Amino acid sequence: MANLIFYDDTHRYTVDGEEVPSVSELTRFLTREIYGEVNQYVLDSAAERGTKVHKAAEALDKFGSVEIDDDLAGYLKAYVSFLRDRKPSWEKIEWAVNNGTLYAGTIDRYGELDGKYGIVDLKTTANIDKGHRVLYTAAQNLYRMAIEAGNKVEFLDILQLKKDGTYCLYELEIQDELATACIVMHEALKKKKRKRKEKADAEV
């Protein structure tokens, strides 16, 4: 079995000592299409908020209680409401996975919901439009492709946690096309970058 290590401080993954791209790296083409014009400060603030809510939800699932900043309490309230309403049974929480040496990533939740097994990704994004769904569909299917050899995946869901304490659950399409396209584009760019470096080194 491959030795997968996730370095939380730098958000890097290695498989048997070799650094591999993350799911976020593979989907960065789509991310740029959605957030390309958004102010970097706004993006950084949203990322920090999402990280804090993820860690709070993880602590709640593992230990049954958690403390969180007042301005983020609504997001956690939304998660608690989801747990109470839908009663999922999580088998994996913040699960680092890899697809060989192609890529790696961390699945927010894997388990049973409404009698089916699948992946649930937690989001604190205020609006989930068509562009977001395309991005999330690619990412979720990359996660699915990494684990489906040994795990049943019957659904891919996005759980949107809102500041007002409510939530929405979106089901995404199970398909290979978007995920495969992201892998192909990443590999093509990596090959192009390697050739450019080899050419530069030869000219020195």
N, C-alpha and C. Protein backbone atom coordinates (compact mmCIF):
# COMPACT_ATOMS: atom_id res chain seq x y z
N MET A 1 0.84 -1.20 0.00
CA MET A 1 0.00 0.00 0.00
C MET A 1 0.88 1.25 0.00
N ALA A 2 0.50 2.23 -0.81
CA ALA A 2 1.28 3.47 -0.90
C ALA A 2 1.21 4.26 0.40
N ASN A 3 2.30 4.92 0.71
CA ASN A 3 2.38 5.74 1.92
C ASN A 3 2.02 7.18 1.57
N LEU A 4 0.81 7.59 1.93
CA LEU A 4 0.32 8.93 1.65
C LEU A 4 0.51 9.82 2.87
N ILE A 5 1.14 10.97 2.67
CA ILE A 5 1.33 11.94 3.76
C ILE A 5 0.78 13.29 3.32
N PHE A 6 -0.02 13.91 4.19
CA PHE A 6 -0.55 15.24 3.94
C PHE A 6 0.11 16.22 4.90
N TYR A 7 0.68 17.28 4.35
CA TYR A 7 1.31 18.33 5.15
C TYR A 7 0.33 19.50 5.25
N ASP A 8 -0.34 19.59 6.39
CA ASP A 8 -1.42 20.55 6.57
C ASP A 8 -0.94 22.00 6.45
N ASP A 9 0.27 22.29 6.94
CA ASP A 9 0.74 23.68 6.95
C ASP A 9 0.98 24.23 5.55
N THR A 10 1.38 23.36 4.61
CA THR A 10 1.63 23.81 3.24
C THR A 10 0.62 23.23 2.25
N HIS A 11 -0.31 22.43 2.74
CA HIS A 11 -1.34 21.79 1.92
C HIS A 11 -0.70 21.00 0.77
N ARG A 12 0.32 20.20 1.12
CA ARG A 12 1.02 19.37 0.14
C ARG A 12 0.79 17.90 0.46
N TYR A 13 0.86 17.08 -0.60
CA TYR A 13 0.72 15.64 -0.44
C TYR A 13 1.93 14.94 -1.05
N THR A 14 2.39 13.88 -0.40
CA THR A 14 3.41 13.02 -0.99
C THR A 14 2.92 11.58 -0.95
N VAL A 15 3.29 10.83 -1.99
CA VAL A 15 2.98 9.40 -2.05
C VAL A 15 4.30 8.67 -2.21
N ASP A 16 4.65 7.86 -1.22
CA ASP A 16 5.94 7.17 -1.19
C ASP A 16 7.10 8.15 -1.39
N GLY A 17 6.98 9.32 -0.76
CA GLY A 17 8.04 10.31 -0.79
C GLY A 17 8.01 11.24 -1.99
N GLU A 18 7.15 10.97 -2.96
CA GLU A 18 7.07 11.80 -4.17
C GLU A 18 5.89 12.77 -4.05
N GLU A 19 6.16 14.06 -4.27
CA GLU A 19 5.08 15.04 -4.18
C GLU A 19 4.13 14.87 -5.36
N VAL A 20 2.82 14.89 -5.06
CA VAL A 20 1.80 14.73 -6.10
C VAL A 20 0.86 15.94 -6.04
N PRO A 21 0.25 16.30 -7.15
CA PRO A 21 -0.67 17.43 -7.15
C PRO A 21 -1.93 17.15 -6.34
N SER A 22 -2.52 18.19 -5.82
CA SER A 22 -3.77 18.05 -5.08
C SER A 22 -4.95 18.18 -6.03
N VAL A 23 -6.12 17.81 -5.56
CA VAL A 23 -7.34 17.99 -6.35
C VAL A 23 -7.53 19.47 -6.66
N SER A 24 -7.19 20.33 -5.70
CA SER A 24 -7.31 21.78 -5.92
C SER A 24 -6.42 22.23 -7.08
N GLU A 25 -5.23 21.66 -7.18
CA GLU A 25 -4.32 22.01 -8.29
C GLU A 25 -4.90 21.55 -9.62
N LEU A 26 -5.47 20.36 -9.65
CA LEU A 26 -6.01 19.82 -10.89
C LEU A 26 -7.22 20.62 -11.38
N THR A 27 -7.94 21.23 -10.46
CA THR A 27 -9.15 21.98 -10.85
C THR A 27 -8.92 23.48 -10.89
N ARG A 28 -7.66 23.92 -10.83
CA ARG A 28 -7.39 25.35 -10.78
C ARG A 28 -7.83 26.08 -12.04
N PHE A 29 -7.89 25.36 -13.18
CA PHE A 29 -8.36 25.98 -14.42
C PHE A 29 -9.81 26.46 -14.24
N LEU A 30 -10.62 25.62 -13.63
CA LEU A 30 -12.01 25.96 -13.40
C LEU A 30 -12.13 27.03 -12.33
N THR A 31 -11.28 26.96 -11.32
CA THR A 31 -11.31 27.94 -10.24
C THR A 31 -11.05 29.35 -10.78
N ARG A 32 -10.10 29.45 -11.70
CA ARG A 32 -9.77 30.75 -12.28
C ARG A 32 -10.94 31.32 -13.06
N GLU A 33 -11.69 30.45 -13.73
CA GLU A 33 -12.84 30.91 -14.49
C GLU A 33 -13.90 31.53 -13.58
N ILE A 34 -14.04 30.98 -12.38
CA ILE A 34 -15.06 31.45 -11.46
C ILE A 34 -14.60 32.65 -10.65
N TYR A 35 -13.35 32.60 -10.16
CA TYR A 35 -12.88 33.62 -9.21
C TYR A 35 -11.85 34.58 -9.80
N GLY A 36 -11.62 34.51 -11.10
CA GLY A 36 -10.57 35.30 -11.71
C GLY A 36 -10.64 36.79 -11.43
N GLU A 37 -11.83 37.36 -11.34
CA GLU A 37 -11.99 38.81 -11.14
C GLU A 37 -12.23 39.18 -9.68
N VAL A 38 -12.26 38.21 -8.80
CA VAL A 38 -12.56 38.48 -7.39
C VAL A 38 -11.30 38.98 -6.67
N ASN A 39 -11.46 40.00 -5.84
CA ASN A 39 -10.36 40.56 -5.07
C ASN A 39 -9.69 39.48 -4.22
N GLN A 40 -8.34 39.48 -4.20
CA GLN A 40 -7.59 38.46 -3.47
C GLN A 40 -7.89 38.47 -1.99
N TYR A 41 -8.11 39.67 -1.41
CA TYR A 41 -8.44 39.76 0.01
C TYR A 41 -9.74 39.03 0.32
N VAL A 42 -10.71 39.18 -0.58
CA VAL A 42 -11.99 38.49 -0.41
C VAL A 42 -11.80 36.98 -0.46
N LEU A 43 -10.98 36.52 -1.42
CA LEU A 43 -10.70 35.09 -1.54
C LEU A 43 -10.00 34.54 -0.30
N ASP A 44 -9.01 35.28 0.19
CA ASP A 44 -8.27 34.84 1.37
C ASP A 44 -9.18 34.78 2.60
N SER A 45 -10.04 35.77 2.74
CA SER A 45 -10.97 35.80 3.89
C SER A 45 -11.94 34.63 3.83
N ALA A 46 -12.43 34.35 2.62
CA ALA A 46 -13.35 33.22 2.45
C ALA A 46 -12.66 31.90 2.76
N ALA A 47 -11.40 31.77 2.32
CA ALA A 47 -10.65 30.54 2.57
C ALA A 47 -10.41 30.34 4.06
N GLU A 48 -10.08 31.43 4.76
CA GLU A 48 -9.86 31.35 6.21
C GLU A 48 -11.15 30.96 6.93
N ARG A 49 -12.25 31.54 6.52
CA ARG A 49 -13.55 31.20 7.11
C ARG A 49 -13.87 29.73 6.89
N GLY A 50 -13.67 29.26 5.65
CA GLY A 50 -13.96 27.88 5.34
C GLY A 50 -13.11 26.91 6.15
N THR A 51 -11.83 27.24 6.33
CA THR A 51 -10.94 26.39 7.12
C THR A 51 -11.39 26.31 8.57
N LYS A 52 -11.77 27.44 9.15
CA LYS A 52 -12.22 27.46 10.55
C LYS A 52 -13.50 26.65 10.73
N VAL A 53 -14.44 26.80 9.80
CA VAL A 53 -15.70 26.06 9.90
C VAL A 53 -15.45 24.57 9.72
N HIS A 54 -14.57 24.20 8.79
CA HIS A 54 -14.23 22.79 8.59
C HIS A 54 -13.65 22.17 9.86
N LYS A 55 -12.73 22.88 10.48
CA LYS A 55 -12.09 22.35 11.69
C LYS A 55 -13.10 22.24 12.84
N ALA A 56 -14.01 23.21 12.93
CA ALA A 56 -15.03 23.17 13.98
C ALA A 56 -15.99 22.00 13.76
N ALA A 57 -16.40 21.78 12.50
CA ALA A 57 -17.30 20.68 12.19
C ALA A 57 -16.61 19.34 12.44
N GLU A 58 -15.32 19.26 12.13
CA GLU A 58 -14.56 18.04 12.38
C GLU A 58 -14.50 17.74 13.88
N ALA A 59 -14.23 18.77 14.68
CA ALA A 59 -14.17 18.59 16.13
C ALA A 59 -15.53 18.16 16.68
N LEU A 60 -16.59 18.75 16.14
CA LEU A 60 -17.94 18.39 16.58
C LEU A 60 -18.24 16.93 16.30
N ASP A 61 -17.88 16.47 15.09
CA ASP A 61 -18.13 15.08 14.72
C ASP A 61 -17.32 14.10 15.57
N LYS A 62 -16.08 14.49 15.88
CA LYS A 62 -15.20 13.56 16.59
C LYS A 62 -15.36 13.60 18.10
N PHE A 63 -15.67 14.79 18.65
CA PHE A 63 -15.68 14.94 20.10
C PHE A 63 -17.02 15.36 20.68
N GLY A 64 -17.97 15.71 19.84
CA GLY A 64 -19.32 16.02 20.32
C GLY A 64 -19.55 17.45 20.73
N SER A 65 -18.50 18.25 20.84
CA SER A 65 -18.66 19.66 21.21
C SER A 65 -17.47 20.45 20.67
N VAL A 66 -17.65 21.77 20.54
CA VAL A 66 -16.59 22.61 20.00
C VAL A 66 -16.88 24.06 20.33
N GLU A 67 -15.84 24.86 20.41
CA GLU A 67 -15.99 26.31 20.56
C GLU A 67 -15.66 26.97 19.23
N ILE A 68 -16.42 28.02 18.89
CA ILE A 68 -16.19 28.69 17.62
C ILE A 68 -16.48 30.18 17.78
N ASP A 69 -15.82 31.00 16.98
CA ASP A 69 -16.04 32.44 17.04
C ASP A 69 -17.51 32.77 16.78
N ASP A 70 -18.00 33.81 17.44
CA ASP A 70 -19.41 34.19 17.31
C ASP A 70 -19.80 34.46 15.86
N ASP A 71 -18.90 35.06 15.08
CA ASP A 71 -19.24 35.41 13.70
C ASP A 71 -19.33 34.19 12.79
N LEU A 72 -18.88 33.03 13.28
CA LEU A 72 -18.95 31.81 12.50
C LEU A 72 -19.97 30.81 13.06
N ALA A 73 -20.62 31.19 14.15
CA ALA A 73 -21.53 30.27 14.84
C ALA A 73 -22.68 29.82 13.95
N GLY A 74 -23.15 30.71 13.05
CA GLY A 74 -24.26 30.35 12.18
C GLY A 74 -23.94 29.18 11.27
N TYR A 75 -22.70 29.15 10.78
CA TYR A 75 -22.29 28.05 9.89
C TYR A 75 -22.32 26.71 10.64
N LEU A 76 -21.85 26.72 11.87
CA LEU A 76 -21.85 25.49 12.65
C LEU A 76 -23.27 25.09 13.03
N LYS A 77 -24.11 26.09 13.32
CA LYS A 77 -25.52 25.81 13.60
C LYS A 77 -26.17 25.12 12.41
N ALA A 78 -25.81 25.57 11.21
CA ALA A 78 -26.34 24.95 9.99
C ALA A 78 -25.90 23.49 9.91
N TYR A 79 -24.65 23.21 10.27
CA TYR A 79 -24.16 21.83 10.22
C TYR A 79 -24.88 20.97 11.25
N VAL A 80 -25.09 21.51 12.43
CA VAL A 80 -25.82 20.78 13.47
C VAL A 80 -27.24 20.47 13.01
N SER A 81 -27.88 21.43 12.33
CA SER A 81 -29.23 21.21 11.82
C SER A 81 -29.24 20.09 10.78
N PHE A 82 -28.23 20.07 9.92
CA PHE A 82 -28.12 19.01 8.93
C PHE A 82 -27.98 17.65 9.61
N LEU A 83 -27.10 17.56 10.60
CA LEU A 83 -26.90 16.29 11.31
C LEU A 83 -28.20 15.83 11.97
N ARG A 84 -28.93 16.76 12.55
CA ARG A 84 -30.17 16.42 13.23
C ARG A 84 -31.26 16.00 12.23
N ASP A 85 -31.34 16.71 11.12
CA ASP A 85 -32.40 16.44 10.14
C ASP A 85 -32.15 15.17 9.34
N ARG A 86 -30.92 14.98 8.88
CA ARG A 86 -30.62 13.91 7.92
C ARG A 86 -29.95 12.69 8.53
N LYS A 87 -29.39 12.83 9.73
CA LYS A 87 -28.78 11.72 10.47
C LYS A 87 -27.81 10.87 9.64
N PRO A 88 -26.78 11.49 9.10
CA PRO A 88 -25.79 10.72 8.33
C PRO A 88 -24.96 9.83 9.27
N SER A 89 -24.38 8.80 8.70
CA SER A 89 -23.45 7.94 9.45
C SER A 89 -22.10 8.03 8.75
N TRP A 90 -21.20 8.83 9.32
CA TRP A 90 -19.90 9.03 8.69
C TRP A 90 -18.96 7.86 8.97
N GLU A 91 -18.34 7.34 7.93
CA GLU A 91 -17.30 6.32 8.08
C GLU A 91 -15.92 6.96 8.04
N LYS A 92 -15.78 8.07 7.32
CA LYS A 92 -14.52 8.77 7.20
C LYS A 92 -14.76 10.27 7.36
N ILE A 93 -13.89 10.94 8.12
CA ILE A 93 -13.97 12.37 8.34
C ILE A 93 -12.62 12.99 8.01
N GLU A 94 -12.62 14.00 7.11
CA GLU A 94 -11.37 14.62 6.65
C GLU A 94 -10.37 13.54 6.25
N TRP A 95 -10.73 12.80 5.23
CA TRP A 95 -10.04 11.58 4.79
C TRP A 95 -9.08 11.89 3.65
N ALA A 96 -7.78 11.80 3.91
CA ALA A 96 -6.77 12.01 2.87
C ALA A 96 -6.69 10.78 1.98
N VAL A 97 -6.84 10.98 0.67
CA VAL A 97 -6.86 9.86 -0.28
C VAL A 97 -5.96 10.19 -1.47
N ASN A 98 -5.60 9.17 -2.23
CA ASN A 98 -4.80 9.41 -3.44
C ASN A 98 -5.21 8.44 -4.53
N ASN A 99 -5.01 8.88 -5.77
CA ASN A 99 -5.24 8.04 -6.94
C ASN A 99 -3.86 7.72 -7.51
N GLY A 100 -3.22 6.69 -6.95
CA GLY A 100 -1.85 6.37 -7.31
C GLY A 100 -0.96 7.57 -7.10
N THR A 101 -0.16 7.90 -8.11
CA THR A 101 0.68 9.10 -8.04
C THR A 101 0.12 10.21 -8.95
N LEU A 102 -1.12 10.03 -9.41
CA LEU A 102 -1.74 11.05 -10.25
C LEU A 102 -2.08 12.30 -9.45
N TYR A 103 -2.69 12.11 -8.29
CA TYR A 103 -3.11 13.22 -7.45
C TYR A 103 -3.56 12.71 -6.08
N ALA A 104 -3.77 13.65 -5.17
CA ALA A 104 -4.27 13.32 -3.84
C ALA A 104 -5.20 14.44 -3.38
N GLY A 105 -5.93 14.19 -2.32
CA GLY A 105 -6.83 15.21 -1.79
C GLY A 105 -7.45 14.73 -0.50
N THR A 106 -8.25 15.59 0.11
CA THR A 106 -8.90 15.25 1.38
C THR A 106 -10.41 15.34 1.22
N ILE A 107 -11.08 14.23 1.43
CA ILE A 107 -12.54 14.15 1.36
C ILE A 107 -13.12 14.61 2.71
N ASP A 108 -14.05 15.55 2.66
CA ASP A 108 -14.62 16.07 3.91
C ASP A 108 -15.34 14.98 4.69
N ARG A 109 -16.28 14.31 4.03
CA ARG A 109 -17.03 13.25 4.69
C ARG A 109 -17.34 12.14 3.69
N TYR A 110 -17.21 10.90 4.18
CA TYR A 110 -17.65 9.74 3.41
C TYR A 110 -18.49 8.88 4.33
N GLY A 111 -19.65 8.44 3.85
CA GLY A 111 -20.47 7.59 4.69
C GLY A 111 -21.85 7.39 4.12
N GLU A 112 -22.77 7.03 5.00
CA GLU A 112 -24.13 6.69 4.57
C GLU A 112 -25.08 7.84 4.84
N LEU A 113 -25.89 8.14 3.85
CA LEU A 113 -26.91 9.18 3.96
C LEU A 113 -28.13 8.72 3.19
N ASP A 114 -29.26 8.67 3.86
CA ASP A 114 -30.52 8.23 3.23
C ASP A 114 -30.38 6.85 2.59
N GLY A 115 -29.64 5.97 3.24
CA GLY A 115 -29.54 4.59 2.78
C GLY A 115 -28.54 4.36 1.66
N LYS A 116 -27.79 5.40 1.27
CA LYS A 116 -26.78 5.26 0.22
C LYS A 116 -25.42 5.73 0.73
N TYR A 117 -24.36 5.23 0.08
CA TYR A 117 -23.00 5.62 0.46
C TYR A 117 -22.44 6.61 -0.55
N GLY A 118 -21.79 7.65 -0.02
CA GLY A 118 -21.22 8.62 -0.93
C GLY A 118 -20.36 9.66 -0.22
N ILE A 119 -20.05 10.71 -0.96
CA ILE A 119 -19.14 11.76 -0.51
C ILE A 119 -19.92 13.05 -0.29
N VAL A 120 -19.65 13.70 0.82
CA VAL A 120 -20.26 15.00 1.12
C VAL A 120 -19.14 16.02 1.34
N ASP A 121 -19.21 17.11 0.60
CA ASP A 121 -18.23 18.18 0.70
C ASP A 121 -18.88 19.38 1.36
N LEU A 122 -18.25 19.92 2.40
CA LEU A 122 -18.79 21.07 3.13
C LEU A 122 -18.31 22.37 2.50
N LYS A 123 -19.25 23.30 2.25
CA LYS A 123 -18.91 24.58 1.67
C LYS A 123 -19.58 25.71 2.46
N THR A 124 -18.84 26.84 2.59
CA THR A 124 -19.42 28.03 3.22
C THR A 124 -19.60 29.14 2.19
N THR A 125 -19.51 28.78 0.92
CA THR A 125 -19.72 29.74 -0.17
C THR A 125 -21.13 30.31 -0.09
N ALA A 126 -21.24 31.63 -0.24
CA ALA A 126 -22.54 32.28 -0.10
C ALA A 126 -23.50 31.91 -1.23
N ASN A 127 -22.97 31.83 -2.46
CA ASN A 127 -23.82 31.50 -3.60
C ASN A 127 -23.20 30.36 -4.40
N ILE A 128 -23.98 29.34 -4.66
CA ILE A 128 -23.51 28.22 -5.47
C ILE A 128 -24.26 28.26 -6.79
N ASP A 129 -23.61 28.85 -7.81
CA ASP A 129 -24.23 28.98 -9.12
C ASP A 129 -23.76 27.86 -10.04
N LYS A 130 -24.08 27.99 -11.33
CA LYS A 130 -23.73 26.95 -12.30
C LYS A 130 -22.22 26.73 -12.38
N GLY A 131 -21.45 27.85 -12.36
CA GLY A 131 -20.00 27.73 -12.43
C GLY A 131 -19.43 26.97 -11.25
N HIS A 132 -19.92 27.27 -10.05
CA HIS A 132 -19.47 26.55 -8.86
C HIS A 132 -19.78 25.06 -8.98
N ARG A 133 -20.95 24.73 -9.50
CA ARG A 133 -21.34 23.33 -9.59
C ARG A 133 -20.44 22.57 -10.57
N VAL A 134 -20.02 23.23 -11.64
CA VAL A 134 -19.09 22.59 -12.57
C VAL A 134 -17.77 22.29 -11.86
N LEU A 135 -17.26 23.28 -11.12
CA LEU A 135 -16.01 23.10 -10.37
C LEU A 135 -16.15 21.98 -9.35
N TYR A 136 -17.24 22.00 -8.59
CA TYR A 136 -17.44 20.99 -7.55
C TYR A 136 -17.66 19.61 -8.14
N THR A 137 -18.31 19.54 -9.30
CA THR A 137 -18.53 18.25 -9.95
C THR A 137 -17.20 17.63 -10.35
N ALA A 138 -16.30 18.46 -10.91
CA ALA A 138 -14.97 17.95 -11.28
C ALA A 138 -14.23 17.44 -10.05
N ALA A 139 -14.20 18.25 -8.99
CA ALA A 139 -13.47 17.88 -7.78
C ALA A 139 -14.05 16.63 -7.13
N GLN A 140 -15.36 16.58 -6.98
CA GLN A 140 -15.98 15.43 -6.32
C GLN A 140 -15.76 14.14 -7.10
N ASN A 141 -15.77 14.24 -8.42
CA ASN A 141 -15.52 13.02 -9.21
C ASN A 141 -14.07 12.59 -9.16
N LEU A 142 -13.15 13.55 -8.98
CA LEU A 142 -11.75 13.18 -8.76
C LEU A 142 -11.61 12.41 -7.45
N TYR A 143 -12.31 12.85 -6.41
CA TYR A 143 -12.30 12.12 -5.15
C TYR A 143 -12.90 10.73 -5.35
N ARG A 144 -14.02 10.67 -6.05
CA ARG A 144 -14.68 9.38 -6.29
C ARG A 144 -13.74 8.41 -7.00
N MET A 145 -13.06 8.90 -8.03
CA MET A 145 -12.16 8.04 -8.80
C MET A 145 -11.00 7.54 -7.96
N ALA A 146 -10.65 8.28 -6.91
CA ALA A 146 -9.54 7.89 -6.04
C ALA A 146 -9.93 6.77 -5.09
N ILE A 147 -11.22 6.65 -4.77
CA ILE A 147 -11.61 5.67 -3.73
C ILE A 147 -12.55 4.57 -4.20
N GLU A 148 -13.11 4.68 -5.41
CA GLU A 148 -14.19 3.78 -5.77
C GLU A 148 -13.76 2.33 -5.94
N ALA A 149 -12.45 2.06 -6.08
CA ALA A 149 -12.00 0.67 -6.22
C ALA A 149 -12.35 -0.14 -4.97
N GLY A 150 -12.35 0.50 -3.80
CA GLY A 150 -12.63 -0.24 -2.58
C GLY A 150 -13.79 0.30 -1.77
N ASN A 151 -14.50 1.29 -2.31
CA ASN A 151 -15.59 1.92 -1.57
C ASN A 151 -16.77 2.21 -2.50
N LYS A 152 -17.95 1.97 -2.00
CA LYS A 152 -19.15 2.26 -2.77
C LYS A 152 -19.40 3.76 -2.80
N VAL A 153 -19.63 4.30 -3.99
CA VAL A 153 -19.95 5.73 -4.12
C VAL A 153 -21.22 5.84 -4.96
N GLU A 154 -22.34 6.11 -4.29
CA GLU A 154 -23.62 6.18 -4.97
C GLU A 154 -24.13 7.61 -5.13
N PHE A 155 -23.47 8.56 -4.48
CA PHE A 155 -23.86 9.95 -4.64
C PHE A 155 -22.68 10.86 -4.33
N LEU A 156 -22.74 12.06 -4.87
CA LEU A 156 -21.77 13.12 -4.60
C LEU A 156 -22.58 14.35 -4.21
N ASP A 157 -22.41 14.81 -2.97
CA ASP A 157 -23.20 15.93 -2.47
C ASP A 157 -22.33 17.11 -2.04
N ILE A 158 -22.88 18.30 -2.21
CA ILE A 158 -22.31 19.50 -1.63
C ILE A 158 -23.25 19.97 -0.53
N LEU A 159 -22.72 20.13 0.66
CA LEU A 159 -23.50 20.65 1.78
C LEU A 159 -23.11 22.11 1.98
N GLN A 160 -24.00 23.01 1.58
CA GLN A 160 -23.75 24.44 1.72
C GLN A 160 -24.22 24.90 3.10
N LEU A 161 -23.28 25.36 3.92
CA LEU A 161 -23.59 25.88 5.26
C LEU A 161 -23.67 27.39 5.17
N LYS A 162 -24.77 27.95 5.66
CA LYS A 162 -25.00 29.39 5.51
C LYS A 162 -24.84 30.12 6.84
N LYS A 163 -24.50 31.38 6.74
CA LYS A 163 -24.24 32.20 7.92
C LYS A 163 -25.48 32.34 8.79
N ASP A 164 -26.67 32.27 8.18
CA ASP A 164 -27.91 32.45 8.94
C ASP A 164 -28.37 31.18 9.66
N GLY A 165 -27.54 30.12 9.59
CA GLY A 165 -27.87 28.90 10.31
C GLY A 165 -28.64 27.87 9.51
N THR A 166 -28.90 28.16 8.25
CA THR A 166 -29.60 27.20 7.39
C THR A 166 -28.60 26.51 6.46
N TYR A 167 -29.07 25.49 5.78
CA TYR A 167 -28.19 24.75 4.87
C TYR A 167 -28.96 24.32 3.62
N CYS A 168 -28.19 24.00 2.57
CA CYS A 168 -28.75 23.42 1.35
C CYS A 168 -27.87 22.25 0.94
N LEU A 169 -28.50 21.21 0.45
CA LEU A 169 -27.77 20.03 -0.01
C LEU A 169 -27.97 19.89 -1.52
N TYR A 170 -26.86 19.88 -2.25
CA TYR A 170 -26.90 19.77 -3.71
C TYR A 170 -26.30 18.44 -4.12
N GLU A 171 -27.01 17.72 -4.97
CA GLU A 171 -26.46 16.47 -5.50
C GLU A 171 -25.82 16.74 -6.85
N LEU A 172 -24.60 16.24 -7.05
CA LEU A 172 -23.86 16.45 -8.27
C LEU A 172 -23.88 15.19 -9.13
N GLU A 173 -23.58 15.36 -10.40
CA GLU A 173 -23.60 14.24 -11.34
C GLU A 173 -22.35 13.37 -11.18
N ILE A 174 -22.56 12.08 -11.16
CA ILE A 174 -21.44 11.14 -11.18
C ILE A 174 -21.05 10.91 -12.63
N GLN A 175 -19.85 11.36 -13.00
CA GLN A 175 -19.37 11.24 -14.37
C GLN A 175 -17.86 11.39 -14.38
N ASP A 176 -17.23 10.90 -15.44
CA ASP A 176 -15.77 10.92 -15.53
C ASP A 176 -15.21 12.08 -16.36
N GLU A 177 -16.03 12.67 -17.23
CA GLU A 177 -15.52 13.59 -18.24
C GLU A 177 -14.76 14.77 -17.66
N LEU A 178 -15.36 15.51 -16.74
CA LEU A 178 -14.71 16.71 -16.20
C LEU A 178 -13.43 16.36 -15.44
N ALA A 179 -13.51 15.33 -14.61
CA ALA A 179 -12.35 14.92 -13.83
C ALA A 179 -11.19 14.49 -14.73
N THR A 180 -11.51 13.70 -15.74
CA THR A 180 -10.49 13.23 -16.67
C THR A 180 -9.87 14.40 -17.43
N ALA A 181 -10.69 15.37 -17.83
CA ALA A 181 -10.19 16.55 -18.54
C ALA A 181 -9.21 17.33 -17.67
N CYS A 182 -9.50 17.45 -16.39
CA CYS A 182 -8.60 18.15 -15.47
C CYS A 182 -7.26 17.44 -15.37
N ILE A 183 -7.28 16.11 -15.31
CA ILE A 183 -6.04 15.33 -15.24
C ILE A 183 -5.22 15.53 -16.52
N VAL A 184 -5.88 15.44 -17.66
CA VAL A 184 -5.20 15.59 -18.95
C VAL A 184 -4.58 16.97 -19.09
N MET A 185 -5.32 18.02 -18.72
CA MET A 185 -4.81 19.38 -18.83
C MET A 185 -3.62 19.59 -17.90
N HIS A 186 -3.71 19.06 -16.70
CA HIS A 186 -2.61 19.21 -15.75
C HIS A 186 -1.36 18.51 -16.26
N GLU A 187 -1.51 17.29 -16.77
CA GLU A 187 -0.37 16.54 -17.28
C GLU A 187 0.25 17.23 -18.49
N ALA A 188 -0.59 17.82 -19.35
CA ALA A 188 -0.09 18.52 -20.53
C ALA A 188 0.72 19.75 -20.13
N LEU A 189 0.23 20.50 -19.15
CA LEU A 189 0.95 21.69 -18.68
C LEU A 189 2.25 21.31 -17.99
N LYS A 190 2.22 20.23 -17.24
CA LYS A 190 3.43 19.77 -16.55
C LYS A 190 4.49 19.36 -17.57
N LYS A 191 4.06 18.68 -18.63
CA LYS A 191 4.99 18.26 -19.69
C LYS A 191 5.56 19.48 -20.41
N LYS A 192 4.71 20.46 -20.66
CA LYS A 192 5.15 21.68 -21.34
C LYS A 192 6.15 22.44 -20.49
N LYS A 193 5.88 22.51 -19.18
CA LYS A 193 6.78 23.20 -18.26
C LYS A 193 8.13 22.49 -18.18
N ARG A 194 8.10 21.16 -18.18
CA ARG A 194 9.34 20.38 -18.12
C ARG A 194 10.19 20.61 -19.37
N LYS A 195 9.55 20.63 -20.53
CA LYS A 195 10.28 20.87 -21.79
C LYS A 195 10.88 22.27 -21.82
N ARG A 196 10.12 23.25 -21.30
CA ARG A 196 10.61 24.62 -21.26
C ARG A 196 11.85 24.72 -20.37
N LYS A 197 11.83 24.00 -19.25
CA LYS A 197 12.97 24.01 -18.33
C LYS A 197 14.17 23.32 -18.96
N GLU A 198 13.93 22.20 -19.64
CA GLU A 198 15.02 21.48 -20.29
C GLU A 198 15.66 22.35 -21.37
N LYS A 199 14.86 23.10 -22.09
CA LYS A 199 15.38 23.98 -23.13
C LYS A 199 16.20 25.10 -22.53
N ALA A 200 15.69 25.67 -21.43
CA ALA A 200 16.42 26.75 -20.75
C ALA A 200 17.75 26.27 -20.20
N ASP A 201 17.73 25.05 -19.62
CA ASP A 201 18.98 24.49 -19.07
C ASP A 201 20.01 24.22 -20.18
N ALA A 202 19.50 23.80 -21.35
CA ALA A 202 20.40 23.50 -22.46
C ALA A 202 21.05 24.76 -23.02
N GLU A 203 20.38 25.87 -22.88
CA GLU A 203 20.89 27.14 -23.42
C GLU A 203 21.89 27.81 -22.50
N VAL A 204 21.96 27.34 -21.25
CA VAL A 204 22.88 27.95 -20.29
C VAL A 204 24.32 27.56 -20.62
